[in-house]
Amino acid sequence: MNQNLKIVYDGDCPFCARYVRFIRLKDTVGEVDLVDARSEDPAVERVRASGVDLNDGMALIDGDRIYFGDECIHRLALMSTPSGVFNRLNAAVFRSPTLSRLLYPVLKTGRAITLRLLGRAPL
């Protein structure tokens, strides 16, 4: 089990916050650190230093690798358990790298609109 997994997400985004809490990874990979991208956590700086703009999506840190955006949700879908409706739906859609790549921009746009409507500033 990999104890180096970290998910860096926007804690002010209701969709992002719910997603990282609903996805069940503990049974398959062990503990996963959930890191709010608005915090001062070193993982946030590590992701930014890699050239990633966290306004454009969430990131998964897996040891020395950083997966971002569509690659992140694809990797998370591969790691999640098949238990629960949310995880089955998530796996059905995002286990496909092609569907992940096609649908991620829609998710990103929905996040941006929601943050604007809620009066929350971008990262």
PDB file of N, CA and C in Angstrom:
ATOM      1  N   MET A   1       0.841  -1.176   0.000  1.00  0.00           N
ATOM      2  CA  MET A   1       0.000   0.000   0.000  1.00  0.00           C
ATOM      3  C   MET A   1       0.888   1.242   0.000  1.00  0.00           C
ATOM      4  N   ASN A   2       0.545   2.183  -0.831  1.00  0.00           N
ATOM      5  CA  ASN A   2       1.333   3.391  -0.984  1.00  0.00           C
ATOM      6  C   ASN A   2       0.907   4.442   0.029  1.00  0.00           C
ATOM      7  N   GLN A   3       1.827   4.810   0.900  1.00  0.00           N
ATOM      8  CA  GLN A   3       1.509   5.817   1.917  1.00  0.00           C
ATOM      9  C   GLN A   3       1.896   7.216   1.453  1.00  0.00           C
ATOM     10  N   ASN A   4       2.316   7.383   0.206  1.00  0.00           N
ATOM     11  CA  ASN A   4       2.751   8.676  -0.303  1.00  0.00           C
ATOM     12  C   ASN A   4       1.692   9.382  -1.135  1.00  0.00           C
ATOM     13  N   LEU A   5       0.478   8.860  -1.193  1.00  0.00           N
ATOM     14  CA  LEU A   5      -0.552   9.466  -2.030  1.00  0.00           C
ATOM     15  C   LEU A   5      -1.122  10.717  -1.383  1.00  0.00           C
ATOM     16  N   LYS A   6      -1.198  11.766  -2.193  1.00  0.00           N
ATOM     17  CA  LYS A   6      -1.814  13.019  -1.757  1.00  0.00           C
ATOM     18  C   LYS A   6      -2.690  13.523  -2.886  1.00  0.00           C
ATOM     19  N   ILE A   7      -3.887  13.980  -2.549  1.00  0.00           N
ATOM     20  CA  ILE A   7      -4.756  14.618  -3.532  1.00  0.00           C
ATOM     21  C   ILE A   7      -4.820  16.090  -3.168  1.00  0.00           C
ATOM     22  N   VAL A   8      -4.414  16.941  -4.102  1.00  0.00           N
ATOM     23  CA  VAL A   8      -4.447  18.390  -3.899  1.00  0.00           C
ATOM     24  C   VAL A   8      -5.644  18.910  -4.679  1.00  0.00           C
ATOM     25  N   TYR A   9      -6.601  19.498  -3.964  1.00  0.00           N
ATOM     26  CA  TYR A   9      -7.872  19.923  -4.552  1.00  0.00           C
ATOM     27  C   TYR A   9      -8.283  21.266  -3.966  1.00  0.00           C
ATOM     28  N   ASP A  10      -9.236  21.912  -4.604  1.00  0.00           N
ATOM     29  CA  ASP A  10      -9.736  23.202  -4.134  1.00  0.00           C
ATOM     30  C   ASP A  10     -10.795  22.970  -3.059  1.00  0.00           C
ATOM     31  N   GLY A  11     -10.450  23.245  -1.824  1.00  0.00           N
ATOM     32  CA  GLY A  11     -11.366  23.048  -0.710  1.00  0.00           C
ATOM     33  C   GLY A  11     -12.564  23.975  -0.731  1.00  0.00           C
ATOM     34  N   ASP A  12     -12.501  25.068  -1.493  1.00  0.00           N
ATOM     35  CA  ASP A  12     -13.636  25.986  -1.608  1.00  0.00           C
ATOM     36  C   ASP A  12     -14.625  25.568  -2.690  1.00  0.00           C
ATOM     37  N   CYS A  13     -14.252  24.588  -3.489  1.00  0.00           N
ATOM     38  CA  CYS A  13     -15.135  24.101  -4.542  1.00  0.00           C
ATOM     39  C   CYS A  13     -15.987  22.966  -3.976  1.00  0.00           C
ATOM     40  N   PRO A  14     -17.309  23.150  -3.946  1.00  0.00           N
ATOM     41  CA  PRO A  14     -18.143  22.093  -3.368  1.00  0.00           C
ATOM     42  C   PRO A  14     -18.045  20.764  -4.126  1.00  0.00           C
ATOM     43  N   PHE A  15     -17.860  20.812  -5.436  1.00  0.00           N
ATOM     44  CA  PHE A  15     -17.739  19.579  -6.220  1.00  0.00           C
ATOM     45  C   PHE A  15     -16.441  18.854  -5.904  1.00  0.00           C
ATOM     46  N   CYS A  16     -15.338  19.598  -5.862  1.00  0.00           N
ATOM     47  CA  CYS A  16     -14.030  19.004  -5.575  1.00  0.00           C
ATOM     48  C   CYS A  16     -14.005  18.395  -4.175  1.00  0.00           C
ATOM     49  N   ALA A  17     -14.518  19.152  -3.209  1.00  0.00           N
ATOM     50  CA  ALA A  17     -14.510  18.694  -1.820  1.00  0.00           C
ATOM     51  C   ALA A  17     -15.338  17.417  -1.654  1.00  0.00           C
ATOM     52  N   ARG A  18     -16.466  17.356  -2.298  1.00  0.00           N
ATOM     53  CA  ARG A  18     -17.298  16.148  -2.196  1.00  0.00           C
ATOM     54  C   ARG A  18     -16.662  14.972  -2.930  1.00  0.00           C
ATOM     55  N   TYR A  19     -16.086  15.253  -4.088  1.00  0.00           N
ATOM     56  CA  TYR A  19     -15.455  14.189  -4.873  1.00  0.00           C
ATOM     57  C   TYR A  19     -14.381  13.473  -4.058  1.00  0.00           C
ATOM     58  N   VAL A  20     -13.466  14.247  -3.464  1.00  0.00           N
ATOM     59  CA  VAL A  20     -12.358  13.608  -2.744  1.00  0.00           C
ATOM     60  C   VAL A  20     -12.840  12.884  -1.485  1.00  0.00           C
ATOM     61  N   ARG A  21     -13.993  13.267  -0.963  1.00  0.00           N
ATOM     62  CA  ARG A  21     -14.518  12.572   0.205  1.00  0.00           C
ATOM     63  C   ARG A  21     -15.327  11.329  -0.174  1.00  0.00           C
ATOM     64  N   PHE A  22     -15.956  11.350  -1.334  1.00  0.00           N
ATOM     65  CA  PHE A  22     -16.767  10.205  -1.763  1.00  0.00           C
ATOM     66  C   PHE A  22     -15.952   9.073  -2.364  1.00  0.00           C
ATOM     67  N   ILE A  23     -14.862   9.407  -3.029  1.00  0.00           N
ATOM     68  CA  ILE A  23     -14.072   8.367  -3.667  1.00  0.00           C
ATOM     69  C   ILE A  23     -13.422   7.515  -2.573  1.00  0.00           C
ATOM     70  N   ARG A  24     -13.577   6.231  -2.695  1.00  0.00           N
ATOM     71  CA  ARG A  24     -13.097   5.313  -1.649  1.00  0.00           C
ATOM     72  C   ARG A  24     -11.779   4.697  -2.087  1.00  0.00           C
ATOM     73  N   LEU A  25     -10.710   5.183  -1.501  1.00  0.00           N
ATOM     74  CA  LEU A  25      -9.387   4.677  -1.853  1.00  0.00           C
ATOM     75  C   LEU A  25      -8.741   3.887  -0.721  1.00  0.00           C
ATOM     76  N   LYS A  26      -9.198   4.114   0.500  1.00  0.00           N
ATOM     77  CA  LYS A  26      -8.538   3.516   1.664  1.00  0.00           C
ATOM     78  C   LYS A  26      -8.451   1.997   1.567  1.00  0.00           C
ATOM     79  N   ASP A  27      -9.507   1.356   1.086  1.00  0.00           N
ATOM     80  CA  ASP A  27      -9.507  -0.105   0.998  1.00  0.00           C
ATOM     81  C   ASP A  27      -8.515  -0.639  -0.033  1.00  0.00           C
ATOM     82  N   THR A  28      -8.222   0.151  -1.052  1.00  0.00           N
ATOM     83  CA  THR A  28      -7.346  -0.340  -2.124  1.00  0.00           C
ATOM     84  C   THR A  28      -5.908   0.151  -2.008  1.00  0.00           C
ATOM     85  N   VAL A  29      -5.696   1.363  -1.513  1.00  0.00           N
ATOM     86  CA  VAL A  29      -4.336   1.911  -1.477  1.00  0.00           C
ATOM     87  C   VAL A  29      -3.905   2.366  -0.093  1.00  0.00           C
ATOM     88  N   GLY A  30      -4.772   2.308   0.887  1.00  0.00           N
ATOM     89  CA  GLY A  30      -4.429   2.771   2.229  1.00  0.00           C
ATOM     90  C   GLY A  30      -4.792   4.234   2.407  1.00  0.00           C
ATOM     91  N   GLU A  31      -4.179   4.844   3.388  1.00  0.00           N
ATOM     92  CA  GLU A  31      -4.469   6.249   3.687  1.00  0.00           C
ATOM     93  C   GLU A  31      -4.033   7.158   2.544  1.00  0.00           C
ATOM     94  N   VAL A  32      -4.843   8.164   2.293  1.00  0.00           N
ATOM     95  CA  VAL A  32      -4.552   9.175   1.279  1.00  0.00           C
ATOM     96  C   VAL A  32      -4.689  10.531   1.947  1.00  0.00           C
ATOM     97  N   ASP A  33      -3.682  11.376   1.795  1.00  0.00           N
ATOM     98  CA  ASP A  33      -3.751  12.722   2.361  1.00  0.00           C
ATOM     99  C   ASP A  33      -4.545  13.618   1.428  1.00  0.00           C
ATOM    100  N   LEU A  34      -5.579  14.257   1.968  1.00  0.00           N
ATOM    101  CA  LEU A  34      -6.364  15.230   1.218  1.00  0.00           C
ATOM    102  C   LEU A  34      -5.829  16.606   1.574  1.00  0.00           C
ATOM    103  N   VAL A  35      -5.348  17.338   0.565  1.00  0.00           N
ATOM    104  CA  VAL A  35      -4.693  18.615   0.796  1.00  0.00           C
ATOM    105  C   VAL A  35      -5.474  19.721   0.087  1.00  0.00           C
ATOM    106  N   ASP A  36      -5.939  20.687   0.860  1.00  0.00           N
ATOM    107  CA  ASP A  36      -6.643  21.841   0.297  1.00  0.00           C
ATOM    108  C   ASP A  36      -5.623  22.722  -0.420  1.00  0.00           C
ATOM    109  N   ALA A  37      -5.855  22.980  -1.688  1.00  0.00           N
ATOM    110  CA  ALA A  37      -4.935  23.784  -2.495  1.00  0.00           C
ATOM    111  C   ALA A  37      -4.852  25.231  -2.013  1.00  0.00           C
ATOM    112  N   ARG A  38      -5.754  25.636  -1.146  1.00  0.00           N
ATOM    113  CA  ARG A  38      -5.726  26.991  -0.590  1.00  0.00           C
ATOM    114  C   ARG A  38      -4.899  27.063   0.689  1.00  0.00           C
ATOM    115  N   SER A  39      -4.337  25.935   1.097  1.00  0.00           N
ATOM    116  CA  SER A  39      -3.536  25.899   2.321  1.00  0.00           C
ATOM    117  C   SER A  39      -2.064  26.171   2.008  1.00  0.00           C
ATOM    118  N   GLU A  40      -1.286  26.219   3.064  1.00  0.00           N
ATOM    119  CA  GLU A  40       0.162  26.423   2.936  1.00  0.00           C
ATOM    120  C   GLU A  40       0.922  25.094   2.962  1.00  0.00           C
ATOM    121  N   ASP A  41       0.222  24.005   2.732  1.00  0.00           N
ATOM    122  CA  ASP A  41       0.834  22.680   2.773  1.00  0.00           C
ATOM    123  C   ASP A  41       1.955  22.580   1.732  1.00  0.00           C
ATOM    124  N   PRO A  42       3.072  21.952   2.079  1.00  0.00           N
ATOM    125  CA  PRO A  42       4.177  21.791   1.114  1.00  0.00           C
ATOM    126  C   PRO A  42       3.768  21.075  -0.171  1.00  0.00           C
ATOM    127  N   ALA A  43       2.763  20.233  -0.110  1.00  0.00           N
ATOM    128  CA  ALA A  43       2.309  19.537  -1.321  1.00  0.00           C
ATOM    129  C   ALA A  43       1.775  20.522  -2.351  1.00  0.00           C
ATOM    130  N   VAL A  44       1.143  21.598  -1.888  1.00  0.00           N
ATOM    131  CA  VAL A  44       0.613  22.619  -2.799  1.00  0.00           C
ATOM    132  C   VAL A  44       1.769  23.282  -3.541  1.00  0.00           C
ATOM    133  N   GLU A  45       2.807  23.636  -2.819  1.00  0.00           N
ATOM    134  CA  GLU A  45       3.972  24.259  -3.448  1.00  0.00           C
ATOM    135  C   GLU A  45       4.658  23.297  -4.404  1.00  0.00           C
ATOM    136  N   ARG A  46       4.711  22.032  -4.036  1.00  0.00           N
ATOM    137  CA  ARG A  46       5.329  21.032  -4.917  1.00  0.00           C
ATOM    138  C   ARG A  46       4.591  20.955  -6.248  1.00  0.00           C
ATOM    139  N   VAL A  47       3.265  20.948  -6.196  1.00  0.00           N
ATOM    140  CA  VAL A  47       2.469  20.883  -7.422  1.00  0.00           C
ATOM    141  C   VAL A  47       2.680  22.150  -8.244  1.00  0.00           C
ATOM    142  N   ARG A  48       2.617  23.298  -7.593  1.00  0.00           N
ATOM    143  CA  ARG A  48       2.825  24.571  -8.315  1.00  0.00           C
ATOM    144  C   ARG A  48       4.218  24.640  -8.932  1.00  0.00           C
ATOM    145  N   ALA A  49       5.225  24.161  -8.199  1.00  0.00           N
ATOM    146  CA  ALA A  49       6.604  24.188  -8.700  1.00  0.00           C
ATOM    147  C   ALA A  49       6.772  23.304  -9.934  1.00  0.00           C
ATOM    148  N   SER A  50       5.882  22.344 -10.102  1.00  0.00           N
ATOM    149  CA  SER A  50       5.956  21.476 -11.284  1.00  0.00           C
ATOM    150  C   SER A  50       5.372  22.155 -12.522  1.00  0.00           C
ATOM    151  N   GLY A  51       4.835  23.373 -12.335  1.00  0.00           N
ATOM    152  CA  GLY A  51       4.283  24.115 -13.457  1.00  0.00           C
ATOM    153  C   GLY A  51       2.784  23.992 -13.611  1.00  0.00           C
ATOM    154  N   VAL A  52       2.129  23.350 -12.661  1.00  0.00           N
ATOM    155  CA  VAL A  52       0.690  23.139 -12.727  1.00  0.00           C
ATOM    156  C   VAL A  52      -0.050  24.333 -12.127  1.00  0.00           C
ATOM    157  N   ASP A  53      -1.095  24.767 -12.809  1.00  0.00           N
ATOM    158  CA  ASP A  53      -1.985  25.806 -12.283  1.00  0.00           C
ATOM    159  C   ASP A  53      -3.186  25.100 -11.674  1.00  0.00           C
ATOM    160  N   LEU A  54      -3.276  25.130 -10.358  1.00  0.00           N
ATOM    161  CA  LEU A  54      -4.343  24.426  -9.667  1.00  0.00           C
ATOM    162  C   LEU A  54      -5.726  25.019  -9.928  1.00  0.00           C
ATOM    163  N   ASN A  55      -5.813  26.158 -10.591  1.00  0.00           N
ATOM    164  CA  ASN A  55      -7.107  26.664 -11.047  1.00  0.00           C
ATOM    165  C   ASN A  55      -7.658  25.797 -12.174  1.00  0.00           C
ATOM    166  N   ASP A  56      -6.766  25.057 -12.807  1.00  0.00           N
ATOM    167  CA  ASP A  56      -7.163  24.221 -13.938  1.00  0.00           C
ATOM    168  C   ASP A  56      -7.477  22.787 -13.552  1.00  0.00           C
ATOM    169  N   GLY A  57      -7.395  22.452 -12.264  1.00  0.00           N
ATOM    170  CA  GLY A  57      -7.756  21.104 -11.861  1.00  0.00           C
ATOM    171  C   GLY A  57      -7.054  20.624 -10.616  1.00  0.00           C
ATOM    172  N   MET A  58      -7.419  19.425 -10.209  1.00  0.00           N
ATOM    173  CA  MET A  58      -6.811  18.821  -9.027  1.00  0.00           C
ATOM    174  C   MET A  58      -5.609  17.996  -9.439  1.00  0.00           C
ATOM    175  N   ALA A  59      -4.794  17.664  -8.430  1.00  0.00           N
ATOM    176  CA  ALA A  59      -3.578  16.901  -8.688  1.00  0.00           C
ATOM    177  C   ALA A  59      -3.485  15.722  -7.735  1.00  0.00           C
ATOM    178  N   LEU A  60      -2.876  14.666  -8.215  1.00  0.00           N
ATOM    179  CA  LEU A  60      -2.583  13.485  -7.416  1.00  0.00           C
ATOM    180  C   LEU A  60      -1.069  13.349  -7.364  1.00  0.00           C
ATOM    181  N   ILE A  61      -0.537  13.354  -6.154  1.00  0.00           N
ATOM    182  CA  ILE A  61       0.892  13.107  -5.966  1.00  0.00           C
ATOM    183  C   ILE A  61       1.032  11.649  -5.561  1.00  0.00           C
ATOM    184  N   ASP A  62       1.746  10.898  -6.363  1.00  0.00           N
ATOM    185  CA  ASP A  62       1.981   9.478  -6.107  1.00  0.00           C
ATOM    186  C   ASP A  62       3.489   9.272  -6.111  1.00  0.00           C
ATOM    187  N   GLY A  63       4.089   9.366  -4.933  1.00  0.00           N
ATOM    188  CA  GLY A  63       5.543   9.258  -4.839  1.00  0.00           C
ATOM    189  C   GLY A  63       6.204  10.419  -5.559  1.00  0.00           C
ATOM    190  N   ASP A  64       6.965  10.101  -6.606  1.00  0.00           N
ATOM    191  CA  ASP A  64       7.673  11.135  -7.371  1.00  0.00           C
ATOM    192  C   ASP A  64       6.863  11.695  -8.532  1.00  0.00           C
ATOM    193  N   ARG A  65       5.703  11.106  -8.816  1.00  0.00           N
ATOM    194  CA  ARG A  65       4.889  11.530  -9.959  1.00  0.00           C
ATOM    195  C   ARG A  65       3.752  12.430  -9.529  1.00  0.00           C
ATOM    196  N   ILE A  66       3.418  13.369 -10.396  1.00  0.00           N
ATOM    197  CA  ILE A  66       2.253  14.229 -10.193  1.00  0.00           C
ATOM    198  C   ILE A  66       1.342  14.042 -11.392  1.00  0.00           C
ATOM    199  N   TYR A  67       0.111  13.616 -11.118  1.00  0.00           N
ATOM    200  CA  TYR A  67      -0.915  13.487 -12.150  1.00  0.00           C
ATOM    201  C   TYR A  67      -1.854  14.661 -11.981  1.00  0.00           C
ATOM    202  N   PHE A  68      -2.236  15.260 -13.099  1.00  0.00           N
ATOM    203  CA  PHE A  68      -3.028  16.484 -13.031  1.00  0.00           C
ATOM    204  C   PHE A  68      -4.250  16.399 -13.930  1.00  0.00           C
ATOM    205  N   GLY A  69      -5.335  17.029 -13.485  1.00  0.00           N
ATOM    206  CA  GLY A  69      -6.534  17.155 -14.310  1.00  0.00           C
ATOM    207  C   GLY A  69      -7.113  15.819 -14.704  1.00  0.00           C
ATOM    208  N   ASP A  70      -7.258  15.612 -16.010  1.00  0.00           N
ATOM    209  CA  ASP A  70      -7.871  14.372 -16.495  1.00  0.00           C
ATOM    210  C   ASP A  70      -7.049  13.147 -16.118  1.00  0.00           C
ATOM    211  N   GLU A  71      -5.718  13.266 -16.082  1.00  0.00           N
ATOM    212  CA  GLU A  71      -4.884  12.132 -15.664  1.00  0.00           C
ATOM    213  C   GLU A  71      -5.125  11.803 -14.190  1.00  0.00           C
ATOM    214  N   CYS A  72      -5.348  12.825 -13.387  1.00  0.00           N
ATOM    215  CA  CYS A  72      -5.609  12.631 -11.961  1.00  0.00           C
ATOM    216  C   CYS A  72      -6.897  11.840 -11.747  1.00  0.00           C
ATOM    217  N   ILE A  73      -7.993  12.286 -12.358  1.00  0.00           N
ATOM    218  CA  ILE A  73      -9.259  11.576 -12.123  1.00  0.00           C
ATOM    219  C   ILE A  73      -9.239  10.185 -12.749  1.00  0.00           C
ATOM    220  N   HIS A  74      -8.497  10.034 -13.835  1.00  0.00           N
ATOM    221  CA  HIS A  74      -8.342   8.704 -14.434  1.00  0.00           C
ATOM    222  C   HIS A  74      -7.623   7.768 -13.458  1.00  0.00           C
ATOM    223  N   ARG A  75      -6.502   8.218 -12.889  1.00  0.00           N
ATOM    224  CA  ARG A  75      -5.746   7.402 -11.931  1.00  0.00           C
ATOM    225  C   ARG A  75      -6.589   7.092 -10.696  1.00  0.00           C
ATOM    226  N   LEU A  76      -7.337   8.070 -10.202  1.00  0.00           N
ATOM    227  CA  LEU A  76      -8.178   7.841  -9.027  1.00  0.00           C
ATOM    228  C   LEU A  76      -9.258   6.810  -9.319  1.00  0.00           C
ATOM    229  N   ALA A  77      -9.821   6.857 -10.520  1.00  0.00           N
ATOM    230  CA  ALA A  77     -10.840   5.867 -10.898  1.00  0.00           C
ATOM    231  C   ALA A  77     -10.236   4.468 -10.942  1.00  0.00           C
ATOM    232  N   LEU A  78      -9.010   4.345 -11.395  1.00  0.00           N
ATOM    233  CA  LEU A  78      -8.347   3.045 -11.439  1.00  0.00           C
ATOM    234  C   LEU A  78      -8.060   2.502 -10.043  1.00  0.00           C
ATOM    235  N   MET A  79      -7.876   3.393  -9.079  1.00  0.00           N
ATOM    236  CA  MET A  79      -7.534   2.994  -7.716  1.00  0.00           C
ATOM    237  C   MET A  79      -8.742   2.770  -6.815  1.00  0.00           C
ATOM    238  N   SER A  80      -9.896   3.272  -7.193  1.00  0.00           N
ATOM    239  CA  SER A  80     -11.047   3.234  -6.289  1.00  0.00           C
ATOM    240  C   SER A  80     -11.689   1.851  -6.229  1.00  0.00           C
ATOM    241  N   THR A  81     -12.468   1.645  -5.186  1.00  0.00           N
ATOM    242  CA  THR A  81     -13.176   0.374  -5.022  1.00  0.00           C
ATOM    243  C   THR A  81     -14.467   0.409  -5.835  1.00  0.00           C
ATOM    244  N   PRO A  82     -15.016  -0.759  -6.166  1.00  0.00           N
ATOM    245  CA  PRO A  82     -16.286  -0.785  -6.899  1.00  0.00           C
ATOM    246  C   PRO A  82     -17.505  -0.676  -5.980  1.00  0.00           C
ATOM    247  N   SER A  83     -17.282  -0.359  -4.716  1.00  0.00           N
ATOM    248  CA  SER A  83     -18.414  -0.295  -3.787  1.00  0.00           C
ATOM    249  C   SER A  83     -19.068   1.081  -3.830  1.00  0.00           C
ATOM    250  N   GLY A  84     -20.378   1.092  -3.791  1.00  0.00           N
ATOM    251  CA  GLY A  84     -21.128   2.335  -3.795  1.00  0.00           C
ATOM    252  C   GLY A  84     -21.443   2.809  -5.204  1.00  0.00           C
ATOM    253  N   VAL A  85     -22.567   3.465  -5.323  1.00  0.00           N
ATOM    254  CA  VAL A  85     -23.035   3.972  -6.617  1.00  0.00           C
ATOM    255  C   VAL A  85     -22.048   4.987  -7.193  1.00  0.00           C
ATOM    256  N   PHE A  86     -21.586   5.916  -6.354  1.00  0.00           N
ATOM    257  CA  PHE A  86     -20.672   6.950  -6.832  1.00  0.00           C
ATOM    258  C   PHE A  86     -19.412   6.340  -7.418  1.00  0.00           C
ATOM    259  N   ASN A  87     -18.806   5.400  -6.709  1.00  0.00           N
ATOM    260  CA  ASN A  87     -17.560   4.803  -7.196  1.00  0.00           C
ATOM    261  C   ASN A  87     -17.768   3.981  -8.457  1.00  0.00           C
ATOM    262  N   ARG A  88     -18.892   3.282  -8.550  1.00  0.00           N
ATOM    263  CA  ARG A  88     -19.161   2.514  -9.786  1.00  0.00           C
ATOM    264  C   ARG A  88     -19.331   3.461 -10.974  1.00  0.00           C
ATOM    265  N   LEU A  89     -20.070   4.545 -10.776  1.00  0.00           N
ATOM    266  CA  LEU A  89     -20.261   5.523 -11.853  1.00  0.00           C
ATOM    267  C   LEU A  89     -18.935   6.196 -12.214  1.00  0.00           C
ATOM    268  N   ASN A  90     -18.190   6.601 -11.195  1.00  0.00           N
ATOM    269  CA  ASN A  90     -16.886   7.226 -11.404  1.00  0.00           C
ATOM    270  C   ASN A  90     -15.969   6.299 -12.203  1.00  0.00           C
ATOM    271  N   ALA A  91     -15.925   5.032 -11.807  1.00  0.00           N
ATOM    272  CA  ALA A  91     -15.076   4.060 -12.499  1.00  0.00           C
ATOM    273  C   ALA A  91     -15.543   3.838 -13.929  1.00  0.00           C
ATOM    274  N   ALA A  92     -16.844   3.740 -14.125  1.00  0.00           N
ATOM    275  CA  ALA A  92     -17.378   3.491 -15.471  1.00  0.00           C
ATOM    276  C   ALA A  92     -16.986   4.602 -16.438  1.00  0.00           C
ATOM    277  N   VAL A  93     -16.975   5.818 -15.958  1.00  0.00           N
ATOM    278  CA  VAL A  93     -16.685   6.951 -16.831  1.00  0.00           C
ATOM    279  C   VAL A  93     -15.183   7.223 -16.927  1.00  0.00           C
ATOM    280  N   PHE A  94     -14.510   7.325 -15.787  1.00  0.00           N
ATOM    281  CA  PHE A  94     -13.145   7.836 -15.783  1.00  0.00           C
ATOM    282  C   PHE A  94     -12.048   6.785 -15.854  1.00  0.00           C
ATOM    283  N   ARG A  95     -12.401   5.510 -15.915  1.00  0.00           N
ATOM    284  CA  ARG A  95     -11.368   4.495 -16.158  1.00  0.00           C
ATOM    285  C   ARG A  95     -10.878   4.559 -17.603  1.00  0.00           C
ATOM    286  N   SER A  96     -11.641   5.212 -18.426  1.00  0.00           N
ATOM    287  CA  SER A  96     -11.240   5.416 -19.813  1.00  0.00           C
ATOM    288  C   SER A  96     -10.430   6.715 -19.906  1.00  0.00           C
ATOM    289  N   PRO A  97      -9.164   6.626 -20.340  1.00  0.00           N
ATOM    290  CA  PRO A  97      -8.390   7.860 -20.477  1.00  0.00           C
ATOM    291  C   PRO A  97      -9.000   8.814 -21.504  1.00  0.00           C
ATOM    292  N   THR A  98      -9.624   8.272 -22.525  1.00  0.00           N
ATOM    293  CA  THR A  98     -10.240   9.112 -23.554  1.00  0.00           C
ATOM    294  C   THR A  98     -11.428   9.877 -22.993  1.00  0.00           C
ATOM    295  N   LEU A  99     -12.317   9.176 -22.278  1.00  0.00           N
ATOM    296  CA  LEU A  99     -13.462   9.864 -21.673  1.00  0.00           C
ATOM    297  C   LEU A  99     -13.006  10.866 -20.624  1.00  0.00           C
ATOM    298  N   SER A 100     -11.978  10.523 -19.865  1.00  0.00           N
ATOM    299  CA  SER A 100     -11.442  11.459 -18.868  1.00  0.00           C
ATOM    300  C   SER A 100     -10.964  12.736 -19.546  1.00  0.00           C
ATOM    301  N   ARG A 101     -10.244  12.578 -20.640  1.00  0.00           N
ATOM    302  CA  ARG A 101      -9.700  13.732 -21.374  1.00  0.00           C
ATOM    303  C   ARG A 101     -10.818  14.580 -21.978  1.00  0.00           C
ATOM    304  N   LEU A 102     -11.877  13.920 -22.478  1.00  0.00           N
ATOM    305  CA  LEU A 102     -12.993  14.645 -23.099  1.00  0.00           C
ATOM    306  C   LEU A 102     -13.896  15.334 -22.082  1.00  0.00           C
ATOM    307  N   LEU A 103     -14.119  14.698 -20.934  1.00  0.00           N
ATOM    308  CA  LEU A 103     -15.061  15.235 -19.953  1.00  0.00           C
ATOM    309  C   LEU A 103     -14.438  16.206 -18.954  1.00  0.00           C
ATOM    310  N   TYR A 104     -13.130  16.125 -18.746  1.00  0.00           N
ATOM    311  CA  TYR A 104     -12.517  16.984 -17.738  1.00  0.00           C
ATOM    312  C   TYR A 104     -12.720  18.474 -18.013  1.00  0.00           C
ATOM    313  N   PRO A 105     -12.607  18.946 -19.239  1.00  0.00           N
ATOM    314  CA  PRO A 105     -12.868  20.373 -19.480  1.00  0.00           C
ATOM    315  C   PRO A 105     -14.286  20.805 -19.069  1.00  0.00           C
ATOM    316  N   VAL A 106     -15.254  19.907 -19.215  1.00  0.00           N
ATOM    317  CA  VAL A 106     -16.623  20.214 -18.793  1.00  0.00           C
ATOM    318  C   VAL A 106     -16.666  20.377 -17.275  1.00  0.00           C
ATOM    319  N   LEU A 107     -16.018  19.468 -16.568  1.00  0.00           N
ATOM    320  CA  LEU A 107     -15.956  19.550 -15.104  1.00  0.00           C
ATOM    321  C   LEU A 107     -15.259  20.830 -14.653  1.00  0.00           C
ATOM    322  N   LYS A 108     -14.172  21.161 -15.328  1.00  0.00           N
ATOM    323  CA  LYS A 108     -13.400  22.368 -14.998  1.00  0.00           C
ATOM    324  C   LYS A 108     -14.237  23.626 -15.210  1.00  0.00           C
ATOM    325  N   THR A 109     -14.992  23.670 -16.292  1.00  0.00           N
ATOM    326  CA  THR A 109     -15.861  24.821 -16.563  1.00  0.00           C
ATOM    327  C   THR A 109     -16.966  24.910 -15.518  1.00  0.00           C
ATOM    328  N   GLY A 110     -17.552  23.785 -15.158  1.00  0.00           N
ATOM    329  CA  GLY A 110     -18.580  23.768 -14.117  1.00  0.00           C
ATOM    330  C   GLY A 110     -18.047  24.276 -12.792  1.00  0.00           C
ATOM    331  N   ARG A 111     -16.821  23.906 -12.465  1.00  0.00           N
ATOM    332  CA  ARG A 111     -16.177  24.382 -11.241  1.00  0.00           C
ATOM    333  C   ARG A 111     -15.999  25.893 -11.278  1.00  0.00           C
ATOM    334  N   ALA A 112     -15.500  26.416 -12.385  1.00  0.00           N
ATOM    335  CA  ALA A 112     -15.263  27.859 -12.503  1.00  0.00           C
ATOM    336  C   ALA A 112     -16.570  28.644 -12.376  1.00  0.00           C
ATOM    337  N   ILE A 113     -17.613  28.176 -13.026  1.00  0.00           N
ATOM    338  CA  ILE A 113     -18.917  28.852 -12.950  1.00  0.00           C
ATOM    339  C   ILE A 113     -19.456  28.809 -11.526  1.00  0.00           C
ATOM    340  N   THR A 114     -19.357  27.656 -10.896  1.00  0.00           N
ATOM    341  CA  THR A 114     -19.859  27.502  -9.524  1.00  0.00           C
ATOM    342  C   THR A 114     -19.121  28.425  -8.568  1.00  0.00           C
ATOM    343  N   LEU A 115     -17.793  28.490  -8.678  1.00  0.00           N
ATOM    344  CA  LEU A 115     -17.027  29.374  -7.801  1.00  0.00           C
ATOM    345  C   LEU A 115     -17.436  30.830  -7.999  1.00  0.00           C
ATOM    346  N   ARG A 116     -17.653  31.234  -9.248  1.00  0.00           N
ATOM    347  CA  ARG A 116     -18.103  32.607  -9.522  1.00  0.00           C
ATOM    348  C   ARG A 116     -19.459  32.873  -8.905  1.00  0.00           C
ATOM    349  N   LEU A 117     -20.383  31.939  -9.087  1.00  0.00           N
ATOM    350  CA  LEU A 117     -21.735  32.118  -8.544  1.00  0.00           C
ATOM    351  C   LEU A 117     -21.741  32.167  -7.012  1.00  0.00           C
ATOM    352  N   LEU A 118     -20.823  31.439  -6.395  1.00  0.00           N
ATOM    353  CA  LEU A 118     -20.713  31.437  -4.943  1.00  0.00           C
ATOM    354  C   LEU A 118     -19.882  32.593  -4.400  1.00  0.00           C
ATOM    355  N   GLY A 119     -19.314  33.374  -5.309  1.00  0.00           N
ATOM    356  CA  GLY A 119     -18.491  34.525  -4.905  1.00  0.00           C
ATOM    357  C   GLY A 119     -17.147  34.132  -4.333  1.00  0.00           C
ATOM    358  N   ARG A 120     -16.645  32.986  -4.724  1.00  0.00           N
ATOM    359  CA  ARG A 120     -15.351  32.517  -4.224  1.00  0.00           C
ATOM    360  C   ARG A 120     -14.264  32.821  -5.240  1.00  0.00           C
ATOM    361  N   ALA A 121     -13.151  33.284  -4.741  1.00  0.00           N
ATOM    362  CA  ALA A 121     -12.032  33.677  -5.600  1.00  0.00           C
ATOM    363  C   ALA A 121     -11.316  32.448  -6.141  1.00  0.00           C
ATOM    364  N   PRO A 122     -10.739  32.582  -7.349  1.00  0.00           N
ATOM    365  CA  PRO A 122      -9.915  31.485  -7.853  1.00  0.00           C
ATOM    366  C   PRO A 122      -8.677  31.330  -6.964  1.00  0.00           C
ATOM    367  N   LEU A 123      -7.986  30.235  -7.157  1.00  0.00           N
ATOM    368  CA  LEU A 123      -6.768  29.977  -6.370  1.00  0.00           C
ATOM    369  C   LEU A 123      -5.681  30.974  -6.700  1.00  0.00           C
TER     370      LEU A 123
END
